[in-house]
Amino acid sequence: MHNWWYAYRRHSKRMGPDTIDVKINRFGLNEAMAFYTTTESSTTDDTGELSRFARPLLTFAAVMTILIMVVGICGNLLTIVALCKCPKVRNVAAAFIINLCIADCVFCTIVLPFNAFRFIRGTWTHGDLLCRLIPFIQYGNIGVSLLCIAMITINRYVMIAHHSSYARIYKKHWIAAMILFCWIFSYGMQLPTFFKVWGAFGYDNKLGTCSILEDENGRSSKKALFGIAFIIPCLIIIGCYAKIFWVVHKSEERMRQHASKQNEIPNNLRSPPNASTNIPANRLSSQSVSSTDMPSSTAGNQKPSRVKDQRDAKAKRNEWRITKMVLAIFLSFVMCYLPITVTKVADKDVKYPGFHIFGYIMLYLSSCINPIIYVIMNKQYRQAYKTVILCKPGRLLAFTQAGSSVGEKWKDIGYSYNHSRTMVSQVSIAEEGSFRNSLTQNSPVRRDSPHPKRLPTIPDNKCINI
């Protein structure tokens, strides 16, 4: 009775005493009590999920949302400038990473401020149009982010498993087409929902947020969008990484087998990697003479070869770092979206509000975590950030047309050749080069030749494989 009287007094101030008296006289006391009970329940339902949360919990959610928004905007803008300014990190993968950063910037700039204000006020207060537009942008950016990660993963897969086709696939116009596809496909799939043809965007009273609702015919596009824009890209990414690790494992196994076989052969019987497998027989003698007549040029040619080998090895290490970094980005994306997905499925009646707040924070965290991964896992990205922060001079150049890093600038033949060389063969090159140099320094000079050069005097216990 006390609660009814409190409701009566509060609503009498809103509606006026005359209106209250008319309702009491017309329906009686019991009907008036039922009227106020219905009014109170409808007012409670309007605030939805957020009315079930304690004010300190909503304040914590609002503070975390604002903090994530600031970190996300600064981190993603810094990444975009660094990738555009520093030539070392400007490659095909960087083009997709820039689009991933743009999508995260849009999310932090447009979506997060409204969600932070929703936590502060306890309900949505920005009208129907924004309640349709904000989830449209939010789900669109989720699709763009996941498709960009899938495109980077496919890029890594082609680079490692089908290197001979890499330069033909990743040309400038094809890269631009892939980027446009990510944006058009992600937002185009939501247009039927935005125009209320297949589901509708609106305020969900039960969840207390703007989301995808059923249309007038009882249809909703939420499950279809989840399957097409989330499940299928995730399966593609998992399949590509399984193939990448399988190829790398097989390659390392072949290298170990080849190295063990080379170790079983005596040093004086090992054939150098420059063996005449690709040299015609009629040119072998002339090349042998030139290699012995001009030892200084032979030693000079070995230096560029070693430099190129070091560059290739460094480039391959960098490719593997980028591959592992993209895998970390994908795993962080899944981990950030998994809590809110599981919570909304398992707790539809919002019996555990804390789990919903945790799910929202993890969802928002996905927009600012990628720059942190770049800093932790890639040294070149750290140097690029340092260049931008310290305002060091840099060049704004276009992305490499068919390359993904410094190592991709080598042609396919040279790159494959370096991949086929083992460490044992490289050691054999160094040993033979030093042996030839020692022979040349102690050899006599020919006087009967128009080109007097030192000829090596080969001891009986030594043998050179040309």
Protein backbone atom coordinates (compact mmCIF):
# COMPACT_ATOMS: atom_id res chain seq x y z
CA MET A 1 0.00 0.00 0.00
CA HIS A 2 2.86 2.30 0.72
CA ASN A 3 4.38 1.67 -2.73
CA TRP A 4 1.03 2.36 -4.39
CA TRP A 5 0.62 5.59 -2.48
CA TYR A 6 4.14 6.66 -3.49
CA ALA A 7 3.31 5.97 -7.14
CA TYR A 8 0.04 7.82 -6.76
CA ARG A 9 1.73 10.91 -5.38
CA ARG A 10 4.43 10.92 -8.09
CA HIS A 11 2.02 10.54 -10.98
CA SER A 12 -0.42 13.02 -9.51
CA LYS A 13 2.28 15.66 -9.93
CA ARG A 14 2.71 14.70 -13.60
CA MET A 15 -0.95 14.23 -14.59
CA GLY A 16 -2.65 16.64 -12.20
CA PRO A 17 -5.15 15.90 -9.43
CA ASP A 18 -8.17 16.26 -11.70
CA THR A 19 -7.03 13.49 -14.01
CA ILE A 20 -6.27 11.20 -11.08
CA ASP A 21 -9.64 11.80 -9.48
CA VAL A 22 -11.43 11.12 -12.76
CA LYS A 23 -9.61 7.77 -13.14
CA ILE A 24 -10.33 6.80 -9.53
CA ASN A 25 -14.00 7.75 -9.82
CA ARG A 26 -14.38 5.97 -13.18
CA PHE A 27 -12.56 2.71 -12.43
CA GLY A 28 -12.49 2.59 -8.68
CA LEU A 29 -9.57 2.07 -6.32
CA ASN A 30 -8.49 -1.37 -7.62
CA GLU A 31 -8.48 -0.23 -11.22
CA ALA A 32 -6.40 2.83 -10.32
CA MET A 33 -3.84 0.64 -8.54
CA ALA A 34 -3.60 -1.60 -11.63
CA PHE A 35 -3.15 1.46 -13.82
CA TYR A 36 -0.18 2.71 -11.78
CA THR A 37 1.38 -0.78 -11.65
CA THR A 38 1.26 -1.01 -15.46
CA THR A 39 2.71 2.49 -15.82
CA GLU A 40 5.59 1.69 -13.50
CA SER A 41 6.41 -1.59 -15.32
CA SER A 42 6.41 0.10 -18.73
CA THR A 43 8.71 2.80 -17.44
CA THR A 44 11.08 0.14 -16.12
CA ASP A 45 11.04 -1.77 -19.43
CA ASP A 46 11.99 1.35 -21.36
CA THR A 47 15.37 1.52 -19.68
CA GLY A 48 15.94 -2.15 -20.59
CA GLU A 49 19.13 -3.93 -19.67
CA LEU A 50 20.97 -0.93 -18.27
CA SER A 51 18.35 -0.39 -15.52
CA ARG A 52 19.46 -3.67 -13.99
CA PHE A 53 23.05 -2.46 -13.56
CA ALA A 54 24.39 -0.66 -10.53
CA ARG A 55 25.50 2.89 -11.09
CA PRO A 56 29.19 2.16 -10.22
CA LEU A 57 29.20 -0.59 -12.87
CA LEU A 58 27.83 1.79 -15.52
CA THR A 59 30.37 4.45 -14.50
CA PHE A 60 33.20 1.93 -14.86
CA ALA A 61 31.92 0.94 -18.32
CA ALA A 62 31.73 4.58 -19.41
CA VAL A 63 35.28 5.33 -18.19
CA MET A 64 36.69 2.25 -19.94
CA THR A 65 34.86 3.10 -23.16
CA ILE A 66 36.26 6.64 -23.19
CA LEU A 67 39.77 5.36 -22.44
CA ILE A 68 39.58 2.78 -25.24
CA MET A 69 38.27 5.46 -27.58
CA VAL A 70 41.23 7.79 -26.92
CA VAL A 71 43.85 5.02 -27.17
CA GLY A 72 42.24 3.61 -30.31
CA ILE A 73 42.12 6.94 -32.16
CA CYS A 74 45.72 7.84 -31.28
CA GLY A 75 47.15 4.37 -31.92
CA ASN A 76 45.42 3.78 -35.24
CA LEU A 77 46.22 7.26 -36.58
CA LEU A 78 49.85 6.79 -35.57
CA THR A 79 49.93 3.43 -37.37
CA ILE A 80 48.47 4.93 -40.57
CA VAL A 81 51.03 7.75 -40.64
CA ALA A 82 53.91 5.37 -39.82
CA LEU A 83 53.01 2.90 -42.55
CA CYS A 84 52.63 5.66 -45.13
CA LYS A 85 55.82 7.46 -44.14
CA CYS A 86 58.40 4.70 -43.56
CA PRO A 87 59.56 2.72 -46.64
CA LYS A 88 60.72 -0.30 -44.60
CA VAL A 89 57.20 -1.26 -43.58
CA ARG A 90 55.40 -0.17 -46.75
CA ASN A 91 54.27 -3.34 -48.53
CA VAL A 92 51.17 -5.23 -49.65
CA ALA A 93 50.30 -6.41 -46.15
CA ALA A 94 50.61 -2.81 -44.92
CA ALA A 95 47.94 -1.70 -47.41
CA PHE A 96 45.40 -4.02 -45.77
CA ILE A 97 46.63 -3.09 -42.28
CA ILE A 98 46.00 0.59 -43.10
CA ASN A 99 42.40 -0.23 -44.04
CA LEU A 100 42.07 -2.20 -40.83
CA CYS A 101 43.26 0.88 -38.92
CA ILE A 102 40.82 3.11 -40.83
CA ALA A 103 37.93 0.84 -39.86
CA ASP A 104 39.01 0.91 -36.22
CA CYS A 105 39.33 4.71 -36.34
CA VAL A 106 35.78 5.02 -37.67
CA PHE A 107 34.56 2.72 -34.88
CA CYS A 108 36.38 4.73 -32.18
CA THR A 109 35.30 8.10 -33.58
CA ILE A 110 31.63 7.44 -34.32
CA VAL A 111 30.40 4.38 -32.44
CA LEU A 112 32.19 4.56 -29.08
CA PRO A 113 31.15 8.13 -28.10
CA PHE A 114 27.46 7.21 -28.38
CA ASN A 115 27.99 3.99 -26.41
CA ALA A 116 29.85 5.88 -23.69
CA PHE A 117 26.99 8.38 -23.45
CA ARG A 118 24.55 5.45 -23.29
CA PHE A 119 26.36 4.10 -20.21
CA ILE A 120 26.37 7.54 -18.61
CA ARG A 121 22.65 8.21 -19.15
CA GLY A 122 21.55 4.61 -18.56
CA THR A 123 19.55 4.40 -21.81
CA TRP A 124 19.55 5.45 -25.47
CA THR A 125 18.51 9.09 -25.88
CA HIS A 126 19.63 9.98 -29.43
CA GLY A 127 16.57 9.22 -31.51
CA ASP A 128 15.54 6.55 -34.00
CA LEU A 129 17.75 7.62 -36.92
CA LEU A 130 21.01 7.38 -34.96
CA CYS A 131 19.78 4.15 -33.39
CA ARG A 132 19.65 2.72 -36.92
CA LEU A 133 22.85 4.35 -38.16
CA ILE A 134 25.19 3.45 -35.27
CA PRO A 135 24.69 -0.35 -35.44
CA PHE A 136 24.93 -0.11 -39.25
CA ILE A 137 28.42 1.41 -38.89
CA GLN A 138 29.36 -0.92 -36.04
CA TYR A 139 28.52 -4.15 -37.86
CA GLY A 140 30.00 -2.78 -41.09
CA ASN A 141 33.34 -2.11 -39.41
CA ILE A 142 33.33 -5.57 -37.87
CA GLY A 143 32.96 -7.03 -41.36
CA VAL A 144 35.70 -4.79 -42.82
CA SER A 145 38.11 -5.71 -40.02
CA LEU A 146 37.59 -9.43 -40.39
CA LEU A 147 37.80 -9.33 -44.19
CA CYS A 148 41.03 -7.30 -44.04
CA ILE A 149 42.53 -9.90 -41.69
CA ALA A 150 41.40 -12.62 -44.11
CA MET A 151 43.00 -10.76 -47.04
CA ILE A 152 46.30 -10.43 -45.17
CA THR A 153 46.19 -14.13 -44.30
CA ILE A 154 45.60 -15.06 -47.95
CA ASN A 155 48.51 -12.78 -48.87
CA ARG A 156 50.77 -14.65 -46.44
CA TYR A 157 49.54 -17.99 -47.79
CA VAL A 158 50.27 -17.07 -51.43
CA MET A 159 53.65 -15.64 -50.44
CA ILE A 160 54.74 -18.85 -48.70
CA ALA A 161 52.93 -21.64 -50.54
CA HIS A 162 52.64 -20.20 -54.10
CA HIS A 163 55.49 -17.75 -54.42
CA SER A 164 55.76 -18.09 -58.20
CA SER A 165 52.23 -16.66 -58.61
CA TYR A 166 52.66 -13.86 -56.07
CA ALA A 167 53.83 -11.11 -58.43
CA ARG A 168 51.04 -11.88 -60.90
CA ILE A 169 48.28 -11.74 -58.29
CA TYR A 170 49.33 -8.76 -56.16
CA LYS A 171 49.48 -5.93 -58.64
CA LYS A 172 48.29 -2.43 -57.76
CA HIS A 173 44.89 -2.67 -59.43
CA TRP A 174 44.16 -6.06 -57.86
CA ILE A 175 45.15 -4.79 -54.41
CA ALA A 176 42.80 -1.80 -54.82
CA ALA A 177 40.00 -4.14 -55.94
CA MET A 178 40.49 -6.35 -52.86
CA ILE A 179 40.34 -3.34 -50.54
CA LEU A 180 37.17 -2.01 -52.20
CA PHE A 181 35.60 -5.45 -51.94
CA CYS A 182 36.13 -5.47 -48.16
CA TRP A 183 34.22 -2.21 -47.72
CA ILE A 184 31.48 -2.71 -50.33
CA PHE A 185 30.69 -6.26 -49.29
CA SER A 186 30.60 -5.49 -45.55
CA TYR A 187 28.29 -2.49 -45.81
CA GLY A 188 26.33 -3.77 -48.81
CA MET A 189 25.15 -6.84 -46.90
CA GLN A 190 23.49 -4.58 -44.31
CA LEU A 191 21.55 -2.36 -46.70
CA PRO A 192 18.45 -4.65 -46.70
CA THR A 193 18.44 -4.47 -42.90
CA PHE A 194 18.97 -0.71 -42.88
CA PHE A 195 15.99 -0.17 -45.20
CA LYS A 196 13.85 -2.69 -43.22
CA VAL A 197 13.61 -5.15 -46.09
CA TRP A 198 15.22 -8.04 -44.20
CA GLY A 199 15.15 -7.33 -40.48
CA ALA A 200 15.60 -3.82 -39.08
CA PHE A 201 17.96 -1.75 -37.00
CA GLY A 202 16.39 -0.36 -33.84
CA TYR A 203 16.36 -0.16 -30.05
CA ASP A 204 16.13 -3.50 -28.27
CA ASN A 205 14.28 -2.94 -24.98
CA LYS A 206 15.41 -6.29 -23.61
CA LEU A 207 19.13 -5.74 -24.24
CA GLY A 208 19.08 -1.99 -23.74
CA THR A 209 21.05 -1.25 -26.93
CA CYS A 210 20.55 -0.56 -30.63
CA SER A 211 20.86 -3.78 -32.58
CA ILE A 212 19.27 -5.90 -35.33
CA LEU A 213 15.57 -6.58 -34.69
CA GLU A 214 12.89 -8.54 -36.47
CA ASP A 215 10.92 -6.73 -39.15
CA GLU A 216 7.15 -6.64 -39.53
CA ASN A 217 7.17 -10.14 -41.03
CA GLY A 218 9.17 -11.59 -38.16
CA ARG A 219 12.42 -11.93 -40.16
CA SER A 220 15.89 -11.05 -38.88
CA SER A 221 19.21 -11.00 -40.72
CA LYS A 222 21.36 -11.42 -37.60
CA LYS A 223 22.09 -15.14 -38.04
CA ALA A 224 22.76 -14.84 -41.77
CA LEU A 225 25.12 -11.89 -41.29
CA PHE A 226 26.91 -13.73 -38.49
CA GLY A 227 27.39 -16.80 -40.67
CA ILE A 228 28.47 -15.03 -43.87
CA ALA A 229 30.53 -12.16 -42.45
CA PHE A 230 32.06 -13.94 -39.43
CA ILE A 231 32.06 -17.74 -39.70
CA ILE A 232 33.16 -18.03 -43.36
CA PRO A 233 36.14 -15.58 -43.05
CA CYS A 234 37.21 -17.33 -39.84
CA LEU A 235 37.20 -20.71 -41.61
CA ILE A 236 39.24 -19.25 -44.49
CA ILE A 237 41.79 -17.80 -42.06
CA ILE A 238 42.09 -21.05 -40.12
CA GLY A 239 42.50 -23.05 -43.34
CA CYS A 240 45.20 -20.72 -44.69
CA TYR A 241 47.20 -20.81 -41.48
CA ALA A 242 46.95 -24.60 -41.31
CA LYS A 243 48.38 -24.78 -44.84
CA ILE A 244 51.09 -22.20 -44.02
CA PHE A 245 52.33 -24.12 -40.98
CA TRP A 246 52.22 -27.39 -42.92
CA VAL A 247 54.34 -25.93 -45.74
CA VAL A 248 56.83 -24.43 -43.28
CA HIS A 249 57.05 -27.71 -41.35
CA LYS A 250 57.71 -29.72 -44.54
CA SER A 251 60.32 -27.23 -45.72
CA GLU A 252 62.18 -27.37 -42.42
CA GLU A 253 62.03 -31.16 -42.46
CA ARG A 254 63.55 -31.28 -45.95
CA MET A 255 66.28 -28.84 -44.88
CA ARG A 256 67.16 -31.00 -41.88
CA GLN A 257 67.31 -34.14 -44.01
CA HIS A 258 69.50 -32.43 -46.59
CA ALA A 259 71.81 -31.06 -43.88
CA SER A 260 72.19 -34.51 -42.29
CA LYS A 261 73.09 -36.03 -45.65
CA GLN A 262 75.65 -33.30 -46.28
CA ASN A 263 77.23 -33.89 -42.89
CA GLU A 264 77.82 -37.53 -43.79
CA ILE A 265 79.94 -36.55 -46.85
CA PRO A 266 83.65 -35.75 -46.27
CA ASN A 267 84.62 -32.12 -46.73
CA ASN A 268 86.90 -32.76 -49.69
CA LEU A 269 84.13 -34.60 -51.56
CA ARG A 270 81.33 -32.09 -51.13
CA SER A 271 80.26 -30.30 -54.26
CA PRO A 272 79.87 -26.56 -53.92
CA PRO A 273 76.46 -24.98 -54.51
CA ASN A 274 77.73 -23.37 -57.71
CA ALA A 275 78.08 -26.80 -59.27
CA SER A 276 77.67 -27.14 -62.99
CA THR A 277 74.12 -28.44 -62.90
CA ASN A 278 72.91 -25.47 -64.87
CA ILE A 279 76.11 -24.92 -66.93
CA PRO A 280 76.50 -26.53 -70.37
CA ALA A 281 79.41 -28.94 -70.75
CA ASN A 282 81.07 -26.98 -73.56
CA ARG A 283 81.30 -23.91 -71.31
CA LEU A 284 82.69 -25.72 -68.28
CA SER A 285 86.36 -25.60 -69.30
CA SER A 286 86.29 -21.90 -70.16
CA GLN A 287 84.60 -21.06 -66.89
CA SER A 288 87.12 -23.17 -65.01
CA VAL A 289 90.00 -21.27 -66.63
CA SER A 290 88.44 -17.93 -65.86
CA SER A 291 87.84 -18.94 -62.28
CA THR A 292 91.48 -19.92 -61.83
CA ASP A 293 92.99 -17.16 -63.91
CA MET A 294 91.07 -14.40 -62.12
CA PRO A 295 90.94 -15.29 -58.43
CA SER A 296 90.53 -11.71 -57.34
CA SER A 297 87.29 -11.37 -59.28
CA THR A 298 86.06 -14.66 -57.83
CA ALA A 299 86.69 -13.47 -54.33
CA GLY A 300 85.08 -10.17 -55.18
CA ASN A 301 81.94 -11.86 -56.50
CA GLN A 302 81.54 -13.86 -53.31
CA LYS A 303 81.04 -10.73 -51.23
CA PRO A 304 77.89 -9.59 -53.07
CA SER A 305 76.64 -13.16 -52.96
CA ARG A 306 77.05 -13.29 -49.20
CA VAL A 307 75.39 -9.88 -48.84
CA LYS A 308 72.47 -11.06 -50.93
CA ASP A 309 72.18 -14.23 -48.87
CA GLN A 310 72.06 -12.16 -45.70
CA ARG A 311 69.40 -9.91 -47.17
CA ASP A 312 67.31 -12.89 -48.24
CA ALA A 313 67.64 -14.51 -44.83
CA LYS A 314 66.63 -11.27 -43.13
CA ALA A 315 63.71 -10.84 -45.52
CA LYS A 316 62.47 -14.38 -44.87
CA ARG A 317 62.65 -13.79 -41.11
CA ASN A 318 60.66 -10.59 -41.54
CA GLU A 319 58.03 -12.43 -43.62
CA TRP A 320 57.63 -15.00 -40.87
CA ARG A 321 57.32 -12.25 -38.24
CA ILE A 322 54.55 -10.59 -40.25
CA THR A 323 52.77 -13.94 -40.62
CA LYS A 324 52.87 -14.57 -36.86
CA MET A 325 51.78 -10.98 -36.20
CA VAL A 326 48.69 -11.39 -38.42
CA LEU A 327 47.86 -14.63 -36.61
CA ALA A 328 48.05 -12.75 -33.29
CA ILE A 329 45.71 -10.07 -34.70
CA PHE A 330 43.18 -12.72 -35.73
CA LEU A 331 43.32 -14.50 -32.36
CA SER A 332 42.89 -11.21 -30.51
CA PHE A 333 39.91 -10.37 -32.74
CA VAL A 334 38.22 -13.68 -31.92
CA MET A 335 38.99 -13.36 -28.20
CA CYS A 336 37.53 -9.84 -28.11
CA TYR A 337 34.26 -10.79 -29.83
CA LEU A 338 33.79 -14.15 -28.15
CA PRO A 339 32.68 -12.95 -24.66
CA ILE A 340 29.80 -10.75 -25.86
CA THR A 341 28.64 -13.44 -28.30
CA VAL A 342 28.60 -16.16 -25.64
CA THR A 343 26.99 -13.85 -23.07
CA LYS A 344 24.11 -12.79 -25.31
CA VAL A 345 23.40 -16.41 -26.22
CA ALA A 346 23.73 -17.88 -22.71
CA ASP A 347 22.19 -15.01 -20.72
CA LYS A 348 19.27 -13.72 -22.75
CA ASP A 349 17.38 -12.58 -19.65
CA VAL A 350 20.38 -10.56 -18.36
CA LYS A 351 20.63 -12.33 -15.03
CA TYR A 352 24.36 -11.59 -14.80
CA PRO A 353 24.85 -7.92 -15.77
CA GLY A 354 28.58 -7.96 -15.03
CA PHE A 355 29.23 -10.42 -17.84
CA HIS A 356 27.44 -8.12 -20.30
CA ILE A 357 29.59 -5.16 -19.25
CA PHE A 358 32.73 -7.30 -19.62
CA GLY A 359 31.57 -8.40 -23.07
CA TYR A 360 31.00 -4.81 -24.20
CA ILE A 361 34.44 -3.71 -22.97
CA MET A 362 36.15 -6.61 -24.73
CA LEU A 363 34.23 -5.78 -27.90
CA TYR A 364 35.41 -2.17 -27.79
CA LEU A 365 38.96 -3.27 -26.93
CA SER A 366 39.33 -4.88 -30.36
CA SER A 367 39.50 -1.41 -31.93
CA CYS A 368 42.66 -0.38 -30.05
CA ILE A 369 44.57 -3.61 -29.47
CA ASN A 370 46.09 -3.97 -32.95
CA PRO A 371 48.67 -1.14 -32.61
CA ILE A 372 49.79 -2.72 -29.33
CA ILE A 373 50.37 -6.02 -31.17
CA TYR A 374 52.37 -4.21 -33.86
CA VAL A 375 54.65 -2.66 -31.24
CA ILE A 376 55.19 -5.91 -29.35
CA MET A 377 55.75 -8.29 -32.25
CA ASN A 378 57.48 -6.32 -35.01
CA LYS A 379 60.74 -4.40 -34.67
CA GLN A 380 60.27 -2.52 -37.95
CA TYR A 381 56.91 -1.20 -36.79
CA ARG A 382 58.51 -0.03 -33.56
CA GLN A 383 61.12 1.84 -35.56
CA ALA A 384 58.40 3.33 -37.77
CA TYR A 385 56.48 4.57 -34.71
CA LYS A 386 59.68 6.06 -33.33
CA THR A 387 60.31 7.85 -36.63
CA VAL A 388 56.87 9.46 -36.54
CA ILE A 389 56.93 10.35 -32.84
CA LEU A 390 60.41 11.88 -33.01
CA CYS A 391 59.50 13.70 -36.26
CA LYS A 392 62.37 12.19 -38.21
CA PRO A 393 62.43 12.83 -41.97
CA GLY A 394 60.69 10.22 -44.09
CA ARG A 395 59.40 9.78 -47.59
CA LEU A 396 55.78 9.36 -48.59
CA LEU A 397 56.05 6.86 -51.43
CA ALA A 398 53.67 4.46 -53.11
CA PHE A 399 53.41 0.85 -52.06
CA THR A 400 55.53 -1.72 -53.81
CA GLN A 401 53.61 -3.18 -56.69
CA ALA A 402 54.31 -6.85 -56.26
CA GLY A 403 56.29 -7.05 -53.09
CA SER A 404 55.50 -7.66 -49.52
CA SER A 405 58.89 -6.73 -48.09
CA VAL A 406 62.51 -6.18 -49.05
CA GLY A 407 62.90 -9.85 -49.85
CA GLU A 408 60.08 -9.77 -52.40
CA LYS A 409 62.02 -7.36 -54.60
CA TRP A 410 64.16 -10.29 -55.76
CA LYS A 411 62.96 -12.13 -58.82
CA ASP A 412 61.30 -15.50 -58.52
CA ILE A 413 64.30 -17.39 -59.93
CA GLY A 414 66.77 -15.85 -57.55
CA TYR A 415 64.44 -16.21 -54.59
CA SER A 416 63.79 -19.88 -55.29
CA TYR A 417 67.50 -20.47 -55.79
CA ASN A 418 68.31 -19.00 -52.40
CA HIS A 419 65.58 -21.10 -50.81
CA SER A 420 67.10 -24.27 -52.24
CA ARG A 421 70.56 -23.55 -50.84
CA THR A 422 71.44 -25.08 -47.51
CA MET A 423 73.68 -23.74 -44.81
CA VAL A 424 76.16 -26.54 -45.48
CA SER A 425 76.57 -25.46 -49.10
CA GLN A 426 77.09 -21.85 -48.03
CA VAL A 427 79.87 -22.95 -45.67
CA SER A 428 81.44 -24.88 -48.54
CA ILE A 429 81.51 -21.72 -50.64
CA ALA A 430 83.37 -19.83 -47.92
CA GLU A 431 85.87 -22.64 -47.39
CA GLU A 432 86.62 -23.00 -51.08
CA GLY A 433 86.96 -19.24 -51.57
CA SER A 434 89.53 -18.96 -48.80
CA PHE A 435 91.41 -21.99 -50.17
CA ARG A 436 91.63 -20.47 -53.64
CA ASN A 437 92.84 -17.16 -52.24
CA SER A 438 95.61 -18.88 -50.30
CA LEU A 439 96.72 -20.72 -53.43
CA THR A 440 96.73 -17.57 -55.51
CA GLN A 441 98.94 -15.63 -53.14
CA ASN A 442 101.73 -18.27 -53.32
CA SER A 443 101.48 -19.09 -57.05
CA PRO A 444 104.07 -18.07 -59.70
CA VAL A 445 103.48 -15.53 -62.48
CA ARG A 446 103.21 -16.67 -66.11
CA ARG A 447 105.52 -14.71 -68.44
CA ASP A 448 104.53 -16.37 -71.72
CA SER A 449 100.96 -15.13 -71.66
CA PRO A 450 99.68 -11.80 -73.01
CA HIS A 451 97.68 -11.54 -69.78
CA PRO A 452 100.11 -12.47 -67.02
CA LYS A 453 98.12 -13.82 -64.10
CA ARG A 454 99.04 -15.95 -61.19
CA LEU A 455 98.15 -19.59 -61.63
CA PRO A 456 97.52 -21.65 -58.53
CA THR A 457 99.89 -24.45 -57.71
CA ILE A 458 97.69 -27.22 -56.42
CA PRO A 459 99.28 -29.60 -53.91
CA ASP A 460 98.82 -33.29 -54.33
CA ASN A 461 96.67 -33.65 -51.27
CA LYS A 462 94.20 -30.92 -52.30
CA CYS A 463 91.38 -30.95 -54.79
CA ILE A 464 89.15 -28.16 -56.06
CA ASN A 465 85.66 -28.87 -57.31
CA ILE A 466 84.68 -26.42 -60.02
